[in-house]
Amino acid sequence: MTAPAQSNSAKSAAPAVLRRPNRLYDGYVFDLDGTVYLGDALLPGAAEVIAQLRARGRRTVFLSNNPTRDPQMYADKLGALGIATPVADIVNPVVTVPRWLQAHHPGAGVLVIGEEPLKRALRAAGVRLTERPEEIDVVVASYDRTFSYRKLQIAFDALWQHRRARLITSNPDRYCPMPGGRGEPDAAAVVAAIEACTGVTCEANLGKPGAEMLETVVGMLGLSADRCVLVGDRMSTDIAMAMAAGMDSALVLTGETTPAMAAVLEPRDAPTWLLDRIDHLIPRPTTEADGRG
């Protein structure tokens, strides 16, 4: 079998020009999957660079758009990989969805099309979960590997028949990357199914690059955006959120974004730094720019 032909853009793309940071920042915001690890394996240099930054007194926090794990599960995984991290330094939609509902819709009846970590966090926050369409005020469409026609029908009844509910999402990702070049349909697929049958538009995204995730991360850092850098592998979520925050960004080519994709980015969309591996976050030589910048 012959290999598929490359598109003209792929064949003509010049190599991406790598740009390594020339200083250290006071705060580092790390995406997880595709940036720090891929699946269950650390990416090269990840543990070492995080240890070096912490040794220099730099603030490190971690974020993910995956709502199928809670922060404790992420802390356990990072600890097992040699990057011990407090739960309070990890944020994902399991944190932001309850926070947003408490702030904007206290007492609302909520349908969650999602998995148990998100439901558990909502119950713990005192959010009233219901599957009775006539009681549903907010439909949360999330990454749900148990998504079914029954769940779609409940959302349809709440949004289309009763016309009382609002539609929000935990994260806007189309798919979740998996090791070996695989992927799984993510929350955007669930949102699309609900929008298609109801005609309702999703009103809020509580993951990257949305405002709620951005505000939560900035609050965790306790630093102004110009003193921080966000490190991730996705232009549409990681780098977009950094730009929205006025924060420098470092795109690593170990996850979704390939060198060919990075090579054709428009200057207005380009990250501050472009790295082939995460430990190139440290300026060269390693003693350079140790002062607060």
C-alpha atoms as a PDB file:
ATOM      1  CA  MET A   1       0.000   0.000   0.000  1.00  0.00           C
ATOM      2  CA  THR A   2       1.401   3.370  -0.975  1.00  0.00           C
ATOM      3  CA  ALA A   3       1.590   6.185   1.551  1.00  0.00           C
ATOM      4  CA  PRO A   4      -1.013   8.944   1.187  1.00  0.00           C
ATOM      5  CA  ALA A   5       0.150  11.932  -0.781  1.00  0.00           C
ATOM      6  CA  GLN A   6       1.084  15.004   1.245  1.00  0.00           C
ATOM      7  CA  SER A   7      -0.819  18.205   0.697  1.00  0.00           C
ATOM      8  CA  ASN A   8       0.978  21.023  -1.109  1.00  0.00           C
ATOM      9  CA  SER A   9       1.062  23.056   2.123  1.00  0.00           C
ATOM     10  CA  ALA A  10       2.646  20.177   4.039  1.00  0.00           C
ATOM     11  CA  LYS A  11       5.276  19.622   1.331  1.00  0.00           C
ATOM     12  CA  SER A  12       6.140  23.298   1.029  1.00  0.00           C
ATOM     13  CA  ALA A  13       6.151  24.155   4.739  1.00  0.00           C
ATOM     14  CA  ALA A  14       9.533  25.381   5.923  1.00  0.00           C
ATOM     15  CA  PRO A  15      10.898  23.910   9.161  1.00  0.00           C
ATOM     16  CA  ALA A  16       9.609  25.610  12.282  1.00  0.00           C
ATOM     17  CA  VAL A  17      12.142  28.028  13.767  1.00  0.00           C
ATOM     18  CA  LEU A  18      12.671  27.079  17.411  1.00  0.00           C
ATOM     19  CA  ARG A  19      12.836  29.958  19.905  1.00  0.00           C
ATOM     20  CA  ARG A  20      14.154  29.260  23.386  1.00  0.00           C
ATOM     21  CA  PRO A  21      13.353  31.632  26.306  1.00  0.00           C
ATOM     22  CA  ASN A  22      16.058  34.172  27.095  1.00  0.00           C
ATOM     23  CA  ARG A  23      14.998  34.620  30.729  1.00  0.00           C
ATOM     24  CA  LEU A  24      13.341  32.891  33.639  1.00  0.00           C
ATOM     25  CA  TYR A  25       9.816  33.839  34.678  1.00  0.00           C
ATOM     26  CA  ASP A  26       8.396  34.073  38.182  1.00  0.00           C
ATOM     27  CA  GLY A  27       5.430  31.832  37.340  1.00  0.00           C
ATOM     28  CA  TYR A  28       5.006  28.813  35.053  1.00  0.00           C
ATOM     29  CA  VAL A  29       1.612  27.443  34.006  1.00  0.00           C
ATOM     30  CA  PHE A  30       1.938  23.937  32.586  1.00  0.00           C
ATOM     31  CA  ASP A  31      -0.572  22.084  30.487  1.00  0.00           C
ATOM     32  CA  LEU A  32      -0.343  18.370  31.289  1.00  0.00           C
ATOM     33  CA  ASP A  33      -1.112  15.819  28.569  1.00  0.00           C
ATOM     34  CA  GLY A  34       1.110  16.402  25.543  1.00  0.00           C
ATOM     35  CA  THR A  35       3.293  18.844  27.485  1.00  0.00           C
ATOM     36  CA  VAL A  36       4.458  17.214  30.753  1.00  0.00           C
ATOM     37  CA  TYR A  37       3.473  13.657  29.895  1.00  0.00           C
ATOM     38  CA  LEU A  38       1.799  11.667  27.138  1.00  0.00           C
ATOM     39  CA  GLY A  39      -0.499   8.948  28.409  1.00  0.00           C
ATOM     40  CA  ASP A  40       1.309   7.371  31.351  1.00  0.00           C
ATOM     41  CA  ALA A  41       4.848   8.351  30.333  1.00  0.00           C
ATOM     42  CA  LEU A  42       6.739  11.513  31.212  1.00  0.00           C
ATOM     43  CA  LEU A  43       7.985  13.478  28.234  1.00  0.00           C
ATOM     44  CA  PRO A  44      11.775  13.904  28.066  1.00  0.00           C
ATOM     45  CA  GLY A  45      13.137  16.450  30.534  1.00  0.00           C
ATOM     46  CA  ALA A  46       9.779  17.249  32.169  1.00  0.00           C
ATOM     47  CA  ALA A  47      10.597  16.218  35.742  1.00  0.00           C
ATOM     48  CA  GLU A  48      14.035  17.814  35.563  1.00  0.00           C
ATOM     49  CA  VAL A  49      12.888  21.212  34.307  1.00  0.00           C
ATOM     50  CA  ILE A  50      10.094  21.468  36.881  1.00  0.00           C
ATOM     51  CA  ALA A  51      12.541  20.532  39.654  1.00  0.00           C
ATOM     52  CA  GLN A  52      15.003  23.191  38.427  1.00  0.00           C
ATOM     53  CA  LEU A  53      12.340  25.885  38.317  1.00  0.00           C
ATOM     54  CA  ARG A  54      11.112  25.048  41.807  1.00  0.00           C
ATOM     55  CA  ALA A  55      14.683  25.040  43.111  1.00  0.00           C
ATOM     56  CA  ARG A  56      15.010  28.596  41.811  1.00  0.00           C
ATOM     57  CA  GLY A  57      11.857  29.620  43.690  1.00  0.00           C
ATOM     58  CA  ARG A  58       9.630  29.849  40.630  1.00  0.00           C
ATOM     59  CA  ARG A  59       5.890  29.242  41.023  1.00  0.00           C
ATOM     60  CA  THR A  60       4.538  26.232  39.108  1.00  0.00           C
ATOM     61  CA  VAL A  61       0.864  25.379  38.543  1.00  0.00           C
ATOM     62  CA  PHE A  62      -0.775  22.802  36.302  1.00  0.00           C
ATOM     63  CA  LEU A  63      -3.961  22.846  34.275  1.00  0.00           C
ATOM     64  CA  SER A  64      -5.919  20.518  32.052  1.00  0.00           C
ATOM     65  CA  ASN A  65      -9.135  20.578  30.049  1.00  0.00           C
ATOM     66  CA  ASN A  66      -9.854  16.936  30.920  1.00  0.00           C
ATOM     67  CA  PRO A  67     -12.889  16.716  33.258  1.00  0.00           C
ATOM     68  CA  THR A  68     -12.701  12.922  33.676  1.00  0.00           C
ATOM     69  CA  ARG A  69     -10.120  13.290  36.483  1.00  0.00           C
ATOM     70  CA  ASP A  70     -10.231  15.467  39.580  1.00  0.00           C
ATOM     71  CA  PRO A  71      -7.226  17.420  40.933  1.00  0.00           C
ATOM     72  CA  GLN A  72      -6.418  14.686  43.462  1.00  0.00           C
ATOM     73  CA  MET A  73      -6.188  12.137  40.656  1.00  0.00           C
ATOM     74  CA  TYR A  74      -3.834  14.454  38.774  1.00  0.00           C
ATOM     75  CA  ALA A  75      -1.754  15.010  41.923  1.00  0.00           C
ATOM     76  CA  ASP A  76      -1.496  11.243  42.389  1.00  0.00           C
ATOM     77  CA  LYS A  77      -0.407  10.764  38.777  1.00  0.00           C
ATOM     78  CA  LEU A  78       2.176  13.542  38.913  1.00  0.00           C
ATOM     79  CA  GLY A  79       3.512  12.177  42.208  1.00  0.00           C
ATOM     80  CA  ALA A  80       3.873   8.706  40.715  1.00  0.00           C
ATOM     81  CA  LEU A  81       5.823  10.246  37.832  1.00  0.00           C
ATOM     82  CA  GLY A  82       8.216  11.983  40.230  1.00  0.00           C
ATOM     83  CA  ILE A  83       6.638  15.466  40.213  1.00  0.00           C
ATOM     84  CA  ALA A  84       5.071  15.815  43.666  1.00  0.00           C
ATOM     85  CA  THR A  85       2.442  18.568  43.449  1.00  0.00           C
ATOM     86  CA  PRO A  86      -0.160  19.895  45.912  1.00  0.00           C
ATOM     87  CA  VAL A  87      -3.784  19.478  44.867  1.00  0.00           C
ATOM     88  CA  ALA A  88      -4.227  23.240  45.261  1.00  0.00           C
ATOM     89  CA  ASP A  89      -1.776  23.801  42.378  1.00  0.00           C
ATOM     90  CA  ILE A  90      -3.913  21.893  39.854  1.00  0.00           C
ATOM     91  CA  VAL A  91      -6.970  23.226  38.036  1.00  0.00           C
ATOM     92  CA  ASN A  92      -9.283  21.636  35.482  1.00  0.00           C
ATOM     93  CA  PRO A  93     -13.020  21.838  34.706  1.00  0.00           C
ATOM     94  CA  VAL A  94     -13.777  19.781  37.830  1.00  0.00           C
ATOM     95  CA  VAL A  95     -12.700  22.972  39.650  1.00  0.00           C
ATOM     96  CA  THR A  96     -14.105  25.645  37.332  1.00  0.00           C
ATOM     97  CA  VAL A  97     -17.577  24.199  36.609  1.00  0.00           C
ATOM     98  CA  PRO A  98     -18.721  24.135  40.282  1.00  0.00           C
ATOM     99  CA  ARG A  99     -17.175  27.551  40.858  1.00  0.00           C
ATOM    100  CA  TRP A 100     -19.026  29.068  37.866  1.00  0.00           C
ATOM    101  CA  LEU A 101     -22.367  27.490  38.762  1.00  0.00           C
ATOM    102  CA  GLN A 102     -22.116  28.695  42.365  1.00  0.00           C
ATOM    103  CA  ALA A 103     -21.330  32.223  41.182  1.00  0.00           C
ATOM    104  CA  HIS A 104     -23.825  32.517  38.320  1.00  0.00           C
ATOM    105  CA  HIS A 105     -26.616  30.008  38.986  1.00  0.00           C
ATOM    106  CA  PRO A 106     -26.870  29.272  42.717  1.00  0.00           C
ATOM    107  CA  GLY A 107     -29.666  26.825  43.458  1.00  0.00           C
ATOM    108  CA  ALA A 108     -30.082  25.818  39.804  1.00  0.00           C
ATOM    109  CA  GLY A 109     -31.157  22.346  38.766  1.00  0.00           C
ATOM    110  CA  VAL A 110     -28.262  20.954  36.728  1.00  0.00           C
ATOM    111  CA  LEU A 111     -28.068  18.093  34.227  1.00  0.00           C
ATOM    112  CA  VAL A 112     -24.506  16.828  33.876  1.00  0.00           C
ATOM    113  CA  ILE A 113     -23.661  14.892  30.747  1.00  0.00           C
ATOM    114  CA  GLY A 114     -20.264  13.889  32.057  1.00  0.00           C
ATOM    115  CA  GLU A 115     -18.351  11.413  34.158  1.00  0.00           C
ATOM    116  CA  GLU A 116     -18.236  10.764  37.891  1.00  0.00           C
ATOM    117  CA  PRO A 117     -15.336  13.069  38.938  1.00  0.00           C
ATOM    118  CA  LEU A 118     -17.263  16.101  37.669  1.00  0.00           C
ATOM    119  CA  LYS A 119     -20.550  14.930  39.195  1.00  0.00           C
ATOM    120  CA  ARG A 120     -18.834  14.218  42.506  1.00  0.00           C
ATOM    121  CA  ALA A 121     -17.318  17.712  42.629  1.00  0.00           C
ATOM    122  CA  LEU A 122     -20.679  19.313  41.875  1.00  0.00           C
ATOM    123  CA  ARG A 123     -22.418  17.347  44.616  1.00  0.00           C
ATOM    124  CA  ALA A 124     -19.659  18.331  47.055  1.00  0.00           C
ATOM    125  CA  ALA A 125     -20.209  21.985  46.117  1.00  0.00           C
ATOM    126  CA  GLY A 126     -23.919  21.685  46.907  1.00  0.00           C
ATOM    127  CA  VAL A 127     -25.094  21.838  43.298  1.00  0.00           C
ATOM    128  CA  ARG A 128     -28.495  20.197  42.784  1.00  0.00           C
ATOM    129  CA  LEU A 129     -28.194  17.527  40.087  1.00  0.00           C
ATOM    130  CA  THR A 130     -31.346  16.351  38.330  1.00  0.00           C
ATOM    131  CA  GLU A 131     -32.434  14.388  35.272  1.00  0.00           C
ATOM    132  CA  ARG A 132     -36.021  15.703  35.332  1.00  0.00           C
ATOM    133  CA  PRO A 133     -36.281  17.963  32.265  1.00  0.00           C
ATOM    134  CA  GLU A 134     -38.862  20.240  33.890  1.00  0.00           C
ATOM    135  CA  GLU A 135     -36.388  20.971  36.741  1.00  0.00           C
ATOM    136  CA  ILE A 136     -33.245  21.520  34.674  1.00  0.00           C
ATOM    137  CA  ASP A 137     -31.923  25.099  34.522  1.00  0.00           C
ATOM    138  CA  VAL A 138     -28.432  24.335  33.188  1.00  0.00           C
ATOM    139  CA  VAL A 139     -27.179  21.514  30.952  1.00  0.00           C
ATOM    140  CA  VAL A 140     -23.449  20.848  31.359  1.00  0.00           C
ATOM    141  CA  ALA A 141     -22.093  19.069  28.269  1.00  0.00           C
ATOM    142  CA  SER A 142     -18.785  17.421  29.054  1.00  0.00           C
ATOM    143  CA  TYR A 143     -16.343  14.738  27.940  1.00  0.00           C
ATOM    144  CA  ASP A 144     -18.494  11.658  28.572  1.00  0.00           C
ATOM    145  CA  ARG A 145     -17.476   8.168  27.480  1.00  0.00           C
ATOM    146  CA  THR A 146     -20.931   6.939  28.551  1.00  0.00           C
ATOM    147  CA  PHE A 147     -22.837   9.414  26.364  1.00  0.00           C
ATOM    148  CA  SER A 148     -26.098   7.825  25.222  1.00  0.00           C
ATOM    149  CA  TYR A 149     -29.319   8.590  23.373  1.00  0.00           C
ATOM    150  CA  ARG A 150     -31.110   8.660  26.749  1.00  0.00           C
ATOM    151  CA  LYS A 151     -28.886  11.501  27.956  1.00  0.00           C
ATOM    152  CA  LEU A 152     -29.370  13.346  24.666  1.00  0.00           C
ATOM    153  CA  GLN A 153     -33.146  13.002  25.034  1.00  0.00           C
ATOM    154  CA  ILE A 154     -33.119  14.511  28.538  1.00  0.00           C
ATOM    155  CA  ALA A 155     -31.047  17.461  27.333  1.00  0.00           C
ATOM    156  CA  PHE A 156     -33.369  17.868  24.336  1.00  0.00           C
ATOM    157  CA  ASP A 157     -36.465  17.887  26.531  1.00  0.00           C
ATOM    158  CA  ALA A 158     -34.963  20.466  28.904  1.00  0.00           C
ATOM    159  CA  LEU A 159     -33.696  22.772  26.168  1.00  0.00           C
ATOM    160  CA  TRP A 160     -36.197  22.339  23.332  1.00  0.00           C
ATOM    161  CA  GLN A 161     -39.458  21.201  24.907  1.00  0.00           C
ATOM    162  CA  HIS A 162     -39.415  23.074  28.223  1.00  0.00           C
ATOM    163  CA  ARG A 163     -37.246  25.928  26.899  1.00  0.00           C
ATOM    164  CA  ARG A 164     -35.978  26.786  30.364  1.00  0.00           C
ATOM    165  CA  ALA A 165     -32.397  25.515  30.393  1.00  0.00           C
ATOM    166  CA  ARG A 166     -29.080  27.006  29.290  1.00  0.00           C
ATOM    167  CA  LEU A 167     -26.284  25.010  27.660  1.00  0.00           C
ATOM    168  CA  ILE A 168     -22.671  25.269  28.836  1.00  0.00           C
ATOM    169  CA  THR A 169     -19.594  23.092  28.383  1.00  0.00           C
ATOM    170  CA  SER A 170     -16.743  21.988  30.605  1.00  0.00           C
ATOM    171  CA  ASN A 171     -14.224  22.344  27.752  1.00  0.00           C
ATOM    172  CA  PRO A 172     -14.237  23.023  23.995  1.00  0.00           C
ATOM    173  CA  ASP A 173     -11.893  20.226  22.859  1.00  0.00           C
ATOM    174  CA  ARG A 174     -12.934  18.249  19.784  1.00  0.00           C
ATOM    175  CA  TYR A 175     -10.898  15.232  20.792  1.00  0.00           C
ATOM    176  CA  CYS A 176      -8.622  14.032  23.568  1.00  0.00           C
ATOM    177  CA  PRO A 177      -5.179  12.935  22.277  1.00  0.00           C
ATOM    178  CA  MET A 178      -4.045   9.436  23.177  1.00  0.00           C
ATOM    179  CA  PRO A 179      -0.663   7.700  22.898  1.00  0.00           C
ATOM    180  CA  GLY A 180       0.243   6.193  19.545  1.00  0.00           C
ATOM    181  CA  GLY A 181      -1.450   8.921  17.530  1.00  0.00           C
ATOM    182  CA  ARG A 182      -4.926   7.904  18.667  1.00  0.00           C
ATOM    183  CA  GLY A 183      -7.692  10.078  20.069  1.00  0.00           C
ATOM    184  CA  GLU A 184     -11.138   9.999  21.678  1.00  0.00           C
ATOM    185  CA  PRO A 185     -14.117  12.283  20.903  1.00  0.00           C
ATOM    186  CA  ASP A 186     -14.261  14.994  23.567  1.00  0.00           C
ATOM    187  CA  ALA A 187     -16.816  17.476  24.894  1.00  0.00           C
ATOM    188  CA  ALA A 188     -17.225  19.390  21.615  1.00  0.00           C
ATOM    189  CA  ALA A 189     -18.820  16.283  20.101  1.00  0.00           C
ATOM    190  CA  VAL A 190     -21.417  16.174  22.890  1.00  0.00           C
ATOM    191  CA  VAL A 191     -22.093  19.909  22.526  1.00  0.00           C
ATOM    192  CA  ALA A 192     -22.504  19.521  18.759  1.00  0.00           C
ATOM    193  CA  ALA A 193     -25.061  16.742  19.177  1.00  0.00           C
ATOM    194  CA  ILE A 194     -27.137  18.825  21.600  1.00  0.00           C
ATOM    195  CA  GLU A 195     -26.899  21.993  19.491  1.00  0.00           C
ATOM    196  CA  ALA A 196     -27.845  20.075  16.337  1.00  0.00           C
ATOM    197  CA  CYS A 197     -31.140  18.741  17.690  1.00  0.00           C
ATOM    198  CA  THR A 198     -32.205  21.697  19.861  1.00  0.00           C
ATOM    199  CA  GLY A 199     -31.019  24.737  17.900  1.00  0.00           C
ATOM    200  CA  VAL A 200     -29.596  26.081  21.176  1.00  0.00           C
ATOM    201  CA  THR A 201     -26.101  27.568  21.236  1.00  0.00           C
ATOM    202  CA  CYS A 202     -23.602  26.766  23.985  1.00  0.00           C
ATOM    203  CA  GLU A 203     -23.220  29.916  26.106  1.00  0.00           C
ATOM    204  CA  ALA A 204     -20.093  29.350  28.175  1.00  0.00           C
ATOM    205  CA  ASN A 205     -16.855  27.371  28.063  1.00  0.00           C
ATOM    206  CA  LEU A 206     -15.367  26.671  31.499  1.00  0.00           C
ATOM    207  CA  GLY A 207     -12.102  25.176  30.270  1.00  0.00           C
ATOM    208  CA  LYS A 208      -9.195  26.662  28.348  1.00  0.00           C
ATOM    209  CA  PRO A 209      -9.187  29.249  26.844  1.00  0.00           C
ATOM    210  CA  GLY A 210     -12.313  30.489  28.638  1.00  0.00           C
ATOM    211  CA  ALA A 211     -12.440  33.382  31.093  1.00  0.00           C
ATOM    212  CA  GLU A 212     -13.296  31.235  34.136  1.00  0.00           C
ATOM    213  CA  MET A 213     -10.232  29.016  33.688  1.00  0.00           C
ATOM    214  CA  LEU A 214      -8.089  32.068  33.020  1.00  0.00           C
ATOM    215  CA  GLU A 215      -9.251  33.884  36.150  1.00  0.00           C
ATOM    216  CA  THR A 216      -8.780  30.768  38.275  1.00  0.00           C
ATOM    217  CA  VAL A 217      -5.201  30.228  37.102  1.00  0.00           C
ATOM    218  CA  VAL A 218      -4.206  33.870  37.521  1.00  0.00           C
ATOM    219  CA  GLY A 219      -5.635  33.791  41.049  1.00  0.00           C
ATOM    220  CA  MET A 220      -3.674  30.628  41.865  1.00  0.00           C
ATOM    221  CA  LEU A 221      -0.412  32.183  40.702  1.00  0.00           C
ATOM    222  CA  GLY A 222      -0.773  35.375  42.713  1.00  0.00           C
ATOM    223  CA  LEU A 223       1.384  37.091  40.074  1.00  0.00           C
ATOM    224  CA  SER A 224       0.733  39.572  37.293  1.00  0.00           C
ATOM    225  CA  ALA A 225       0.440  38.006  33.830  1.00  0.00           C
ATOM    226  CA  ASP A 226       3.605  39.689  32.520  1.00  0.00           C
ATOM    227  CA  ARG A 227       5.673  37.754  35.071  1.00  0.00           C
ATOM    228  CA  CYS A 228       4.396  34.364  33.899  1.00  0.00           C
ATOM    229  CA  VAL A 229       4.532  32.016  30.924  1.00  0.00           C
ATOM    230  CA  LEU A 230       2.032  29.357  29.859  1.00  0.00           C
ATOM    231  CA  VAL A 231       3.506  26.164  28.439  1.00  0.00           C
ATOM    232  CA  GLY A 232       1.345  23.908  26.274  1.00  0.00           C
ATOM    233  CA  ASP A 233       0.989  21.918  23.063  1.00  0.00           C
ATOM    234  CA  ARG A 234      -2.285  23.269  21.641  1.00  0.00           C
ATOM    235  CA  MET A 235      -2.698  26.569  19.835  1.00  0.00           C
ATOM    236  CA  SER A 236      -6.497  26.667  20.194  1.00  0.00           C
ATOM    237  CA  THR A 237      -6.553  26.288  23.977  1.00  0.00           C
ATOM    238  CA  ASP A 238      -3.140  26.767  25.634  1.00  0.00           C
ATOM    239  CA  ILE A 239      -1.654  29.498  23.481  1.00  0.00           C
ATOM    240  CA  ALA A 240      -5.031  31.187  22.951  1.00  0.00           C
ATOM    241  CA  MET A 241      -5.515  31.438  26.721  1.00  0.00           C
ATOM    242  CA  ALA A 242      -2.049  32.910  27.231  1.00  0.00           C
ATOM    243  CA  MET A 243      -2.759  35.550  24.594  1.00  0.00           C
ATOM    244  CA  ALA A 244      -6.110  36.374  26.210  1.00  0.00           C
ATOM    245  CA  ALA A 245      -4.329  36.864  29.538  1.00  0.00           C
ATOM    246  CA  GLY A 246      -1.527  39.001  28.145  1.00  0.00           C
ATOM    247  CA  MET A 247       0.852  36.231  29.219  1.00  0.00           C
ATOM    248  CA  ASP A 248       3.894  34.967  27.334  1.00  0.00           C
ATOM    249  CA  SER A 249       3.545  31.476  25.911  1.00  0.00           C
ATOM    250  CA  ALA A 250       5.762  28.521  25.043  1.00  0.00           C
ATOM    251  CA  LEU A 251       4.487  26.009  22.504  1.00  0.00           C
ATOM    252  CA  VAL A 252       6.053  22.558  22.791  1.00  0.00           C
ATOM    253  CA  LEU A 253       6.030  20.258  19.769  1.00  0.00           C
ATOM    254  CA  THR A 254       5.444  17.095  21.798  1.00  0.00           C
ATOM    255  CA  GLY A 255       1.654  16.959  21.596  1.00  0.00           C
ATOM    256  CA  GLU A 256      -0.987  18.169  19.156  1.00  0.00           C
ATOM    257  CA  THR A 257       1.046  20.784  17.285  1.00  0.00           C
ATOM    258  CA  THR A 258       3.519  19.366  14.768  1.00  0.00           C
ATOM    259  CA  PRO A 259       6.590  21.182  13.400  1.00  0.00           C
ATOM    260  CA  ALA A 260       4.796  21.550  10.047  1.00  0.00           C
ATOM    261  CA  MET A 261       1.803  23.175  11.747  1.00  0.00           C
ATOM    262  CA  ALA A 262       4.047  25.516  13.723  1.00  0.00           C
ATOM    263  CA  ALA A 263       5.972  26.514  10.602  1.00  0.00           C
ATOM    264  CA  VAL A 264       2.921  28.053   8.917  1.00  0.00           C
ATOM    265  CA  LEU A 265       1.558  30.045  11.857  1.00  0.00           C
ATOM    266  CA  GLU A 266       0.844  33.678  11.127  1.00  0.00           C
ATOM    267  CA  PRO A 267       3.036  36.059  13.176  1.00  0.00           C
ATOM    268  CA  ARG A 268      -0.011  37.392  15.038  1.00  0.00           C
ATOM    269  CA  ASP A 269      -0.851  33.845  16.180  1.00  0.00           C
ATOM    270  CA  ALA A 270       2.657  32.689  17.008  1.00  0.00           C
ATOM    271  CA  PRO A 271       3.659  31.824  20.585  1.00  0.00           C
ATOM    272  CA  THR A 272       6.389  33.784  22.317  1.00  0.00           C
ATOM    273  CA  TRP A 273       8.636  30.722  22.403  1.00  0.00           C
ATOM    274  CA  LEU A 274       8.703  27.526  20.322  1.00  0.00           C
ATOM    275  CA  LEU A 275      10.342  24.425  21.807  1.00  0.00           C
ATOM    276  CA  ASP A 276      10.995  20.914  20.604  1.00  0.00           C
ATOM    277  CA  ARG A 277      11.065  19.688  24.226  1.00  0.00           C
ATOM    278  CA  ILE A 278       9.934  21.045  27.565  1.00  0.00           C
ATOM    279  CA  ASP A 279      13.332  21.291  29.294  1.00  0.00           C
ATOM    280  CA  HIS A 280      14.397  23.915  26.761  1.00  0.00           C
ATOM    281  CA  LEU A 281      12.351  26.313  28.864  1.00  0.00           C
ATOM    282  CA  ILE A 282      15.527  26.961  30.855  1.00  0.00           C
ATOM    283  CA  PRO A 283      17.613  29.707  29.226  1.00  0.00           C
ATOM    284  CA  ARG A 284      21.048  28.771  27.945  1.00  0.00           C
ATOM    285  CA  PRO A 285      23.370  28.734  29.855  1.00  0.00           C
ATOM    286  CA  THR A 286      21.446  27.444  32.900  1.00  0.00           C
ATOM    287  CA  THR A 287      22.843  30.201  35.136  1.00  0.00           C
ATOM    288  CA  GLU A 288      21.577  32.929  32.828  1.00  0.00           C
ATOM    289  CA  ALA A 289      18.729  35.208  33.988  1.00  0.00           C
ATOM    290  CA  ASP A 290      18.491  33.786  37.495  1.00  0.00           C
ATOM    291  CA  GLY A 291      17.394  37.199  38.697  1.00  0.00           C
ATOM    292  CA  ARG A 292      13.689  38.024  38.770  1.00  0.00           C
ATOM    293  CA  GLY A 293      12.754  39.462  35.430  1.00  0.00           C
END
